[in-house]
């Protein structure tokens, strides 16, 4: 229960504050993507208040000059 006995003004308000679990609650997720220009951040919010964060950064490639290759 989200509240204790006698906390709500009426029994109707108390019953409205309750929630019932369903069998498909594992599928309740909310995904948001923030694009920051140099990288993107995906946040997946799950029904049990867990969050998965994935940062997608572009691949970094190093380019050597001819002098660095010979040394």
PDB file of N, CA and C in Angstrom:
ATOM      1  N   UNK A   1       0.840  -1.183   0.000  1.00  0.00           N
ATOM      2  CA  UNK A   1       0.000   0.000   0.000  1.00  0.00           C
ATOM      3  C   UNK A   1       0.877   1.234   0.000  1.00  0.00           C
ATOM      4  N   UNK A   2       0.377   2.268  -0.642  1.00  0.00           N
ATOM      5  CA  UNK A   2       1.156   3.481  -0.745  1.00  0.00           C
ATOM      6  C   UNK A   2       0.992   4.398   0.465  1.00  0.00           C
ATOM      7  N   UNK A   3       0.004   4.132   1.323  1.00  0.00           N
ATOM      8  CA  UNK A   3      -0.177   4.959   2.511  1.00  0.00           C
ATOM      9  C   UNK A   3      -0.689   4.103   3.674  1.00  0.00           C
ATOM     10  N   UNK A   4      -0.725   4.689   4.858  1.00  0.00           N
ATOM     11  CA  UNK A   4      -1.116   3.940   6.058  1.00  0.00           C
ATOM     12  C   UNK A   4      -2.585   4.194   6.392  1.00  0.00           C
ATOM     13  N   UNK A   5      -3.093   3.432   7.338  1.00  0.00           N
ATOM     14  CA  UNK A   5      -4.495   3.537   7.734  1.00  0.00           C
ATOM     15  C   UNK A   5      -4.784   4.928   8.314  1.00  0.00           C
ATOM     16  N   UNK A   6      -5.845   5.540   7.824  1.00  0.00           N
ATOM     17  CA  UNK A   6      -6.254   6.838   8.334  1.00  0.00           C
ATOM     18  C   UNK A   6      -5.510   8.014   7.737  1.00  0.00           C
ATOM     19  N   UNK A   7      -4.674   7.791   6.759  1.00  0.00           N
ATOM     20  CA  UNK A   7      -3.877   8.895   6.204  1.00  0.00           C
ATOM     21  C   UNK A   7      -4.667   9.714   5.194  1.00  0.00           C
ATOM     22  N   UNK A   8      -5.628   9.128   4.511  1.00  0.00           N
ATOM     23  CA  UNK A   8      -6.400   9.834   3.497  1.00  0.00           C
ATOM     24  C   UNK A   8      -7.703  10.334   4.099  1.00  0.00           C
ATOM     25  N   UNK A   9      -8.224  11.386   3.497  1.00  0.00           N
ATOM     26  CA  UNK A   9      -9.451  11.999   4.027  1.00  0.00           C
ATOM     27  C   UNK A   9     -10.652  11.068   3.904  1.00  0.00           C
ATOM     28  N   UNK A  10     -10.762  10.339   2.810  1.00  0.00           N
ATOM     29  CA  UNK A  10     -11.879   9.430   2.605  1.00  0.00           C
ATOM     30  C   UNK A  10     -11.346   8.075   2.151  1.00  0.00           C
ATOM     31  N   UNK A  11     -12.133   7.014   2.361  1.00  0.00           N
ATOM     32  CA  UNK A  11     -11.709   5.696   1.861  1.00  0.00           C
ATOM     33  C   UNK A  11     -11.548   5.681   0.333  1.00  0.00           C
ATOM     34  N   UNK A  12     -12.361   6.473  -0.375  1.00  0.00           N
ATOM     35  CA  UNK A  12     -12.267   6.514  -1.836  1.00  0.00           C
ATOM     36  C   UNK A  12     -10.899   7.032  -2.277  1.00  0.00           C
ATOM     37  N   UNK A  13     -10.400   8.071  -1.620  1.00  0.00           N
ATOM     38  CA  UNK A  13      -9.071   8.601  -1.949  1.00  0.00           C
ATOM     39  C   UNK A  13      -7.988   7.563  -1.663  1.00  0.00           C
ATOM     40  N   UNK A  14      -8.181   6.837  -0.573  1.00  0.00           N
ATOM     41  CA  UNK A  14      -7.208   5.811  -0.214  1.00  0.00           C
ATOM     42  C   UNK A  14      -7.155   4.714  -1.284  1.00  0.00           C
ATOM     43  N   UNK A  15      -8.309   4.258  -1.759  1.00  0.00           N
ATOM     44  CA  UNK A  15      -8.341   3.197  -2.754  1.00  0.00           C
ATOM     45  C   UNK A  15      -7.827   3.676  -4.112  1.00  0.00           C
ATOM     46  N   UNK A  16      -8.004   4.959  -4.436  1.00  0.00           N
ATOM     47  CA  UNK A  16      -7.455   5.492  -5.682  1.00  0.00           C
ATOM     48  C   UNK A  16      -5.931   5.521  -5.663  1.00  0.00           C
ATOM     49  N   UNK A  17      -5.317   5.590  -4.484  1.00  0.00           N
ATOM     50  CA  UNK A  17      -3.865   5.656  -4.391  1.00  0.00           C
ATOM     51  C   UNK A  17      -3.205   4.286  -4.534  1.00  0.00           C
ATOM     52  N   UNK A  18      -3.989   3.218  -4.519  1.00  0.00           N
ATOM     53  CA  UNK A  18      -3.441   1.872  -4.643  1.00  0.00           C
ATOM     54  C   UNK A  18      -3.214   1.522  -6.114  1.00  0.00           C
ATOM     55  N   UNK A  19      -2.251   0.661  -6.377  1.00  0.00           N
ATOM     56  CA  UNK A  19      -2.038   0.182  -7.735  1.00  0.00           C
ATOM     57  C   UNK A  19      -2.014  -1.341  -7.719  1.00  0.00           C
ATOM     58  N   UNK A  20      -2.420  -1.933  -8.807  1.00  0.00           N
ATOM     59  CA  UNK A  20      -2.502  -3.380  -8.927  1.00  0.00           C
ATOM     60  C   UNK A  20      -1.458  -3.828  -9.941  1.00  0.00           C
ATOM     61  N   UNK A  21      -0.692  -4.842  -9.587  1.00  0.00           N
ATOM     62  CA  UNK A  21       0.320  -5.369 -10.498  1.00  0.00           C
ATOM     63  C   UNK A  21      -0.352  -6.189 -11.593  1.00  0.00           C
ATOM     64  N   UNK A  22       0.226  -6.120 -12.774  1.00  0.00           N
ATOM     65  CA  UNK A  22      -0.305  -6.921 -13.868  1.00  0.00           C
ATOM     66  C   UNK A  22       0.783  -7.850 -14.389  1.00  0.00           C
ATOM     67  N   UNK A  23       0.391  -8.815 -15.189  1.00  0.00           N
ATOM     68  CA  UNK A  23       1.343  -9.812 -15.665  1.00  0.00           C
ATOM     69  C   UNK A  23       2.313  -9.260 -16.705  1.00  0.00           C
ATOM     70  N   UNK A  24       1.954  -8.180 -17.388  1.00  0.00           N
ATOM     71  CA  UNK A  24       2.832  -7.631 -18.412  1.00  0.00           C
ATOM     72  C   UNK A  24       3.698  -6.471 -17.898  1.00  0.00           C
ATOM     73  N   UNK A  25       3.841  -6.316 -16.615  1.00  0.00           N
ATOM     74  CA  UNK A  25       4.594  -5.182 -16.066  1.00  0.00           C
ATOM     75  C   UNK A  25       6.079  -5.246 -16.399  1.00  0.00           C
ATOM     76  N   UNK A  26       6.597  -6.443 -16.689  1.00  0.00           N
ATOM     77  CA  UNK A  26       8.008  -6.550 -17.078  1.00  0.00           C
ATOM     78  C   UNK A  26       8.269  -5.868 -18.416  1.00  0.00           C
ATOM     79  N   UNK A  27       7.234  -5.691 -19.201  1.00  0.00           N
ATOM     80  CA  UNK A  27       7.369  -5.038 -20.491  1.00  0.00           C
ATOM     81  C   UNK A  27       7.225  -3.524 -20.395  1.00  0.00           C
ATOM     82  N   UNK A  28       6.911  -2.996 -19.216  1.00  0.00           N
ATOM     83  CA  UNK A  28       6.737  -1.565 -19.054  1.00  0.00           C
ATOM     84  C   UNK A  28       8.104  -0.901 -18.964  1.00  0.00           C
ATOM     85  N   UNK A  29       8.542  -0.346 -20.032  1.00  0.00           N
ATOM     86  CA  UNK A  29       9.802   0.387 -20.040  1.00  0.00           C
ATOM     87  C   UNK A  29       9.599   1.709 -20.760  1.00  0.00           C
ATOM     88  N   UNK A  30      10.413   2.671 -20.403  1.00  0.00           N
ATOM     89  CA  UNK A  30      10.387   3.971 -21.053  1.00  0.00           C
ATOM     90  C   UNK A  30      11.809   4.254 -21.509  1.00  0.00           C
ATOM     91  N   UNK A  31      12.002   4.487 -22.800  1.00  0.00           N
ATOM     92  CA  UNK A  31      13.329   4.733 -23.343  1.00  0.00           C
ATOM     93  C   UNK A  31      13.408   6.173 -23.831  1.00  0.00           C
ATOM     94  N   UNK A  32      14.436   6.887 -23.373  1.00  0.00           N
ATOM     95  CA  UNK A  32      14.685   8.238 -23.840  1.00  0.00           C
ATOM     96  C   UNK A  32      16.112   8.310 -24.370  1.00  0.00           C
ATOM     97  N   UNK A  33      16.295   9.102 -25.417  1.00  0.00           N
ATOM     98  CA  UNK A  33      17.613   9.288 -26.019  1.00  0.00           C
ATOM     99  C   UNK A  33      17.933  10.768 -26.043  1.00  0.00           C
ATOM    100  N   UNK A  34      19.081  11.130 -25.476  1.00  0.00           N
ATOM    101  CA  UNK A  34      19.563  12.506 -25.501  1.00  0.00           C
ATOM    102  C   UNK A  34      20.754  12.574 -26.435  1.00  0.00           C
ATOM    103  N   UNK A  35      20.684  13.447 -27.439  1.00  0.00           N
ATOM    104  CA  UNK A  35      21.790  13.605 -28.374  1.00  0.00           C
ATOM    105  C   UNK A  35      22.564  14.855 -27.978  1.00  0.00           C
ATOM    106  N   UNK A  36      23.833  14.686 -27.653  1.00  0.00           N
ATOM    107  CA  UNK A  36      24.668  15.789 -27.204  1.00  0.00           C
ATOM    108  C   UNK A  36      25.626  16.270 -28.287  1.00  0.00           C
ATOM    109  N   UNK A  37      25.430  15.862 -29.513  1.00  0.00           N
ATOM    110  CA  UNK A  37      26.296  16.270 -30.597  1.00  0.00           C
ATOM    111  C   UNK A  37      27.500  15.358 -30.752  1.00  0.00           C
ATOM    112  N   UNK A  38      28.311  15.232 -29.718  1.00  0.00           N
ATOM    113  CA  UNK A  38      29.496  14.377 -29.787  1.00  0.00           C
ATOM    114  C   UNK A  38      29.201  12.951 -29.355  1.00  0.00           C
ATOM    115  N   UNK A  39      28.135  12.748 -28.604  1.00  0.00           N
ATOM    116  CA  UNK A  39      27.750  11.424 -28.144  1.00  0.00           C
ATOM    117  C   UNK A  39      26.249  11.410 -27.864  1.00  0.00           C
ATOM    118  N   UNK A  40      25.683  10.217 -27.761  1.00  0.00           N
ATOM    119  CA  UNK A  40      24.260  10.052 -27.462  1.00  0.00           C
ATOM    120  C   UNK A  40      24.119   9.191 -26.213  1.00  0.00           C
ATOM    121  N   UNK A  41      23.108   9.494 -25.403  1.00  0.00           N
ATOM    122  CA  UNK A  41      22.868   8.768 -24.158  1.00  0.00           C
ATOM    123  C   UNK A  41      21.463   8.176 -24.212  1.00  0.00           C
ATOM    124  N   UNK A  42      21.366   6.847 -24.078  1.00  0.00           N
ATOM    125  CA  UNK A  42      20.085   6.148 -24.006  1.00  0.00           C
ATOM    126  C   UNK A  42      19.809   5.780 -22.558  1.00  0.00           C
ATOM    127  N   UNK A  43      18.615   6.124 -22.070  1.00  0.00           N
ATOM    128  CA  UNK A  43      18.213   5.770 -20.713  1.00  0.00           C
ATOM    129  C   UNK A  43      16.943   4.932 -20.808  1.00  0.00           C
ATOM    130  N   UNK A  44      16.999   3.711 -20.278  1.00  0.00           N
ATOM    131  CA  UNK A  44      15.838   2.817 -20.251  1.00  0.00           C
ATOM    132  C   UNK A  44      15.379   2.704 -18.800  1.00  0.00           C
ATOM    133  N   UNK A  45      14.159   3.164 -18.533  1.00  0.00           N
ATOM    134  CA  UNK A  45      13.588   3.091 -17.185  1.00  0.00           C
ATOM    135  C   UNK A  45      12.666   1.878 -17.128  1.00  0.00           C
ATOM    136  N   UNK A  46      12.915   0.984 -16.186  1.00  0.00           N
ATOM    137  CA  UNK A  46      12.131  -0.238 -16.034  1.00  0.00           C
ATOM    138  C   UNK A  46      11.053  -0.045 -14.972  1.00  0.00           C
ATOM    139  N   UNK A  47      10.106  -0.969 -14.930  1.00  0.00           N
ATOM    140  CA  UNK A  47       8.957  -0.842 -14.026  1.00  0.00           C
ATOM    141  C   UNK A  47       9.350  -0.913 -12.559  1.00  0.00           C
ATOM    142  N   UNK A  48      10.445  -1.555 -12.199  1.00  0.00           N
ATOM    143  CA  UNK A  48      10.828  -1.679 -10.785  1.00  0.00           C
ATOM    144  C   UNK A  48      11.848  -0.610 -10.396  1.00  0.00           C
ATOM    145  N   UNK A  49      11.830   0.542 -11.070  1.00  0.00           N
ATOM    146  CA  UNK A  49      12.677   1.701 -10.773  1.00  0.00           C
ATOM    147  C   UNK A  49      14.144   1.476 -11.090  1.00  0.00           C
ATOM    148  N   UNK A  50      14.461   0.499 -11.912  1.00  0.00           N
ATOM    149  CA  UNK A  50      15.842   0.299 -12.340  1.00  0.00           C
ATOM    150  C   UNK A  50      16.056   1.083 -13.629  1.00  0.00           C
ATOM    151  N   UNK A  51      17.262   1.629 -13.801  1.00  0.00           N
ATOM    152  CA  UNK A  51      17.590   2.361 -15.012  1.00  0.00           C
ATOM    153  C   UNK A  51      18.840   1.783 -15.654  1.00  0.00           C
ATOM    154  N   UNK A  52      18.803   1.627 -16.965  1.00  0.00           N
ATOM    155  CA  UNK A  52      19.968   1.212 -17.729  1.00  0.00           C
ATOM    156  C   UNK A  52      20.401   2.409 -18.567  1.00  0.00           C
ATOM    157  N   UNK A  53      21.676   2.768 -18.477  1.00  0.00           N
ATOM    158  CA  UNK A  53      22.198   3.908 -19.220  1.00  0.00           C
ATOM    159  C   UNK A  53      23.265   3.405 -20.187  1.00  0.00           C
ATOM    160  N   UNK A  54      23.135   3.791 -21.450  1.00  0.00           N
ATOM    161  CA  UNK A  54      24.104   3.428 -22.471  1.00  0.00           C
ATOM    162  C   UNK A  54      24.582   4.702 -23.151  1.00  0.00           C
ATOM    163  N   UNK A  55      25.901   4.890 -23.160  1.00  0.00           N
ATOM    164  CA  UNK A  55      26.490   6.047 -23.835  1.00  0.00           C
ATOM    165  C   UNK A  55      27.070   5.559 -25.151  1.00  0.00           C
ATOM    166  N   UNK A  56      26.621   6.161 -26.248  1.00  0.00           N
ATOM    167  CA  UNK A  56      27.124   5.789 -27.570  1.00  0.00           C
ATOM    168  C   UNK A  56      28.010   6.913 -28.082  1.00  0.00           C
ATOM    169  N   UNK A  57      29.308   6.673 -28.066  1.00  0.00           N
ATOM    170  CA  UNK A  57      30.284   7.651 -28.547  1.00  0.00           C
ATOM    171  C   UNK A  57      30.803   7.203 -29.907  1.00  0.00           C
ATOM    172  N   UNK A  58      31.195   8.163 -30.754  1.00  0.00           N
ATOM    173  CA  UNK A  58      31.738   7.755 -32.053  1.00  0.00           C
ATOM    174  C   UNK A  58      33.087   7.061 -31.891  1.00  0.00           C
ATOM    175  N   UNK A  59      33.416   6.235 -32.842  1.00  0.00           N
ATOM    176  CA  UNK A  59      34.673   5.493 -32.798  1.00  0.00           C
ATOM    177  C   UNK A  59      35.837   6.466 -32.966  1.00  0.00           C
ATOM    178  N   UNK A  60      36.856   6.291 -32.162  1.00  0.00           N
ATOM    179  CA  UNK A  60      38.033   7.145 -32.212  1.00  0.00           C
ATOM    180  C   UNK A  60      39.088   6.452 -33.066  1.00  0.00           C
ATOM    181  N   UNK A  61      39.572   7.152 -34.078  1.00  0.00           N
ATOM    182  CA  UNK A  61      40.613   6.605 -34.932  1.00  0.00           C
ATOM    183  C   UNK A  61      41.844   7.487 -34.838  1.00  0.00           C
ATOM    184  N   UNK A  62      42.990   6.874 -34.610  1.00  0.00           N
ATOM    185  CA  UNK A  62      44.242   7.605 -34.550  1.00  0.00           C
ATOM    186  C   UNK A  62      44.925   7.518 -35.908  1.00  0.00           C
ATOM    187  N   UNK A  63      45.381   8.650 -36.378  1.00  0.00           N
ATOM    188  CA  UNK A  63      46.083   8.681 -37.653  1.00  0.00           C
ATOM    189  C   UNK A  63      47.527   9.087 -37.372  1.00  0.00           C
ATOM    190  N   UNK A  64      48.449   8.243 -37.768  1.00  0.00           N
ATOM    191  CA  UNK A  64      49.860   8.512 -37.551  1.00  0.00           C
ATOM    192  C   UNK A  64      50.449   9.205 -38.771  1.00  0.00           C
ATOM    193  N   UNK A  65      51.375  10.104 -38.511  1.00  0.00           N
ATOM    194  CA  UNK A  65      52.087  10.729 -39.617  1.00  0.00           C
ATOM    195  C   UNK A  65      53.154   9.758 -40.109  1.00  0.00           C
ATOM    196  N   UNK A  66      53.733  10.037 -41.255  1.00  0.00           N
ATOM    197  CA  UNK A  66      54.744   9.149 -41.833  1.00  0.00           C
ATOM    198  C   UNK A  66      55.963   9.039 -40.895  1.00  0.00           C
ATOM    199  N   UNK A  67      56.303  10.112 -40.227  1.00  0.00           N
ATOM    200  CA  UNK A  67      57.456  10.107 -39.323  1.00  0.00           C
ATOM    201  C   UNK A  67      57.216   9.168 -38.135  1.00  0.00           C
ATOM    202  N   UNK A  68      55.995   9.181 -37.590  1.00  0.00           N
ATOM    203  CA  UNK A  68      55.681   8.312 -36.447  1.00  0.00           C
ATOM    204  C   UNK A  68      55.696   6.851 -36.833  1.00  0.00           C
ATOM    205  N   UNK A  69      55.397   6.541 -38.080  1.00  0.00           N
ATOM    206  CA  UNK A  69      55.383   5.152 -38.540  1.00  0.00           C
ATOM    207  C   UNK A  69      56.795   4.600 -38.618  1.00  0.00           C
ATOM    208  N   UNK A  70      57.763   5.395 -39.052  1.00  0.00           N
ATOM    209  CA  UNK A  70      59.130   4.934 -39.247  1.00  0.00           C
ATOM    210  C   UNK A  70      59.922   4.878 -37.956  1.00  0.00           C
ATOM    211  N   UNK A  71      59.501   5.580 -36.928  1.00  0.00           N
ATOM    212  CA  UNK A  71      60.287   5.587 -35.680  1.00  0.00           C
ATOM    213  C   UNK A  71      59.992   4.430 -34.787  1.00  0.00           C
TER     214      UNK A  71
END
